[in-house]
Amino acid sequence: MRHLAVHELSICQALMTQVESVAAQHQATKVISITVQIGVLSGVVPDLLAQAFTIARAGTVAEQAELITETLPIKVRCRQCGAETEASANRLLCGVCGDWQTQLISGEELLLASVELEGV
């Protein structure tokens, strides 16, 4: 479990670099909230990310910011019928025709979705 916490901490440190850049571009004095979208297959554990966030935000413009995580579902595109449907991690089948020949189109993301800022 320790390596996961280190993994999430390094992700949070990279996230804080992005957030501080956004805050500087907009001349913000404070970050109110940060919304991150996490795909089910991303390998990021939301609870561990939240714990790491409290460490990574210390001493930054986001020191008091709230971290909001949104889970993104797994979506596949069927190579047979062309449908785009949700799927489960161990069953990437087309939700329309049931075919197994699918392409993963969503579920591995880790995205900085939004940053709520406070100005001068």
Protein backbone atom coordinates (compact mmCIF):
# COMPACT_ATOMS: atom_id res chain seq x y z
CA MET A 1 0.00 0.00 0.00
CA ARG A 2 2.96 2.32 0.63
CA HIS A 3 3.90 2.54 -3.06
CA LEU A 4 0.37 3.65 -3.91
CA ALA A 5 0.60 6.53 -1.45
CA VAL A 6 3.91 7.62 -2.98
CA HIS A 7 2.33 7.32 -6.44
CA GLU A 8 -0.58 9.56 -5.46
CA LEU A 9 1.77 12.05 -3.77
CA SER A 10 3.81 12.47 -6.95
CA ILE A 11 0.56 12.94 -8.90
CA CYS A 12 -0.55 15.61 -6.41
CA GLN A 13 2.79 17.40 -6.67
CA ALA A 14 2.41 17.54 -10.47
CA LEU A 15 -1.20 18.66 -10.01
CA MET A 16 -0.10 21.48 -7.70
CA THR A 17 2.40 22.67 -10.31
CA GLN A 18 -0.46 22.95 -12.80
CA VAL A 19 -2.77 24.63 -10.28
CA GLU A 20 -0.14 27.18 -9.25
CA SER A 21 0.45 27.99 -12.93
CA VAL A 22 -3.28 28.54 -13.49
CA ALA A 23 -3.52 30.70 -10.37
CA ALA A 24 -0.53 32.82 -11.47
CA GLN A 25 -1.97 33.28 -14.99
CA HIS A 26 -5.18 34.63 -13.48
CA GLN A 27 -3.43 36.58 -10.70
CA ALA A 28 -5.40 34.66 -8.07
CA THR A 29 -4.54 35.01 -4.41
CA LYS A 30 -6.23 31.80 -3.35
CA VAL A 31 -7.50 28.53 -4.79
CA ILE A 32 -10.93 27.60 -3.45
CA SER A 33 -11.37 24.18 -5.05
CA ILE A 34 -9.77 21.80 -7.52
CA THR A 35 -11.81 19.26 -9.45
CA VAL A 36 -10.06 16.18 -10.79
CA GLN A 37 -11.65 13.54 -13.00
CA ILE A 38 -10.30 10.04 -12.44
CA GLY A 39 -10.93 7.13 -14.80
CA VAL A 40 -11.69 3.77 -13.21
CA LEU A 41 -8.68 2.23 -15.00
CA SER A 42 -6.25 5.09 -14.27
CA GLY A 43 -4.52 3.31 -11.40
CA VAL A 44 -5.22 6.28 -9.10
CA VAL A 45 -7.01 5.59 -5.81
CA PRO A 46 -9.24 8.61 -4.98
CA ASP A 47 -8.94 8.18 -1.19
CA LEU A 48 -5.14 8.01 -1.36
CA LEU A 49 -5.12 10.99 -3.72
CA ALA A 50 -7.14 12.98 -1.17
CA GLN A 51 -4.68 12.06 1.59
CA ALA A 52 -1.69 13.00 -0.57
CA PHE A 53 -3.40 16.26 -1.52
CA THR A 54 -3.33 17.50 2.07
CA ILE A 55 0.47 17.13 2.03
CA ALA A 56 1.06 18.49 -1.49
CA ARG A 57 -1.03 21.65 -1.01
CA ALA A 58 0.86 22.79 2.12
CA GLY A 59 2.60 26.12 1.58
CA THR A 60 0.93 26.76 -1.79
CA VAL A 61 -1.76 29.12 -3.02
CA ALA A 62 -4.10 26.10 -2.68
CA GLU A 63 -3.29 25.47 0.99
CA GLN A 64 -6.97 25.72 2.00
CA ALA A 65 -8.43 24.33 -1.24
CA GLU A 66 -10.96 21.53 -1.40
CA LEU A 67 -10.17 18.58 -3.67
CA ILE A 68 -13.20 17.31 -5.55
CA THR A 69 -12.84 13.98 -7.34
CA GLU A 70 -15.18 12.73 -10.03
CA THR A 71 -15.02 9.14 -11.21
CA LEU A 72 -15.18 8.60 -14.96
CA PRO A 73 -16.70 5.36 -16.26
CA ILE A 74 -15.13 2.92 -18.68
CA LYS A 75 -16.43 3.44 -22.23
CA VAL A 76 -15.72 1.36 -25.30
CA ARG A 77 -16.37 1.73 -29.03
CA CYS A 78 -17.44 -1.45 -30.78
CA ARG A 79 -15.46 -2.33 -33.90
CA GLN A 80 -18.40 -4.36 -35.22
CA CYS A 81 -21.45 -2.12 -34.79
CA GLY A 82 -19.77 1.22 -33.95
CA ALA A 83 -21.72 1.79 -30.75
CA GLU A 84 -20.14 3.62 -27.80
CA THR A 85 -21.21 2.11 -24.49
CA GLU A 86 -20.10 1.79 -20.89
CA ALA A 87 -18.30 -1.39 -19.86
CA SER A 88 -16.79 -2.93 -16.75
CA ALA A 89 -13.09 -3.33 -16.03
CA ASN A 90 -12.93 -7.05 -16.64
CA ARG A 91 -15.60 -7.19 -19.33
CA LEU A 92 -14.92 -4.74 -22.18
CA LEU A 93 -17.84 -5.93 -24.29
CA CYS A 94 -20.13 -3.86 -26.51
CA GLY A 95 -23.28 -2.95 -24.61
CA VAL A 96 -25.34 -3.07 -27.82
CA CYS A 97 -24.30 -6.20 -29.75
CA GLY A 98 -22.19 -7.95 -27.10
CA ASP A 99 -19.11 -8.25 -29.33
CA TRP A 100 -15.69 -8.47 -27.69
CA GLN A 101 -13.87 -6.47 -30.39
CA THR A 102 -13.95 -3.08 -28.72
CA GLN A 103 -11.64 -0.11 -28.37
CA LEU A 104 -11.24 1.62 -25.02
CA ILE A 105 -12.21 5.29 -25.40
CA SER A 106 -12.56 6.39 -21.77
CA GLY A 107 -11.63 5.19 -18.32
CA GLU A 108 -7.86 5.70 -18.10
CA GLU A 109 -7.95 9.50 -17.66
CA LEU A 110 -6.63 11.64 -14.89
CA LEU A 111 -7.73 15.17 -15.74
CA LEU A 112 -7.57 18.53 -14.03
CA ALA A 113 -11.17 19.49 -14.81
CA SER A 114 -11.46 22.86 -13.07
CA VAL A 115 -9.88 25.23 -10.59
CA GLU A 116 -11.98 27.72 -8.62
CA LEU A 117 -9.93 30.83 -7.88
CA GLU A 118 -10.24 33.89 -5.67
CA GLY A 119 -8.79 37.18 -6.85
CA VAL A 120 -7.12 40.08 -5.11
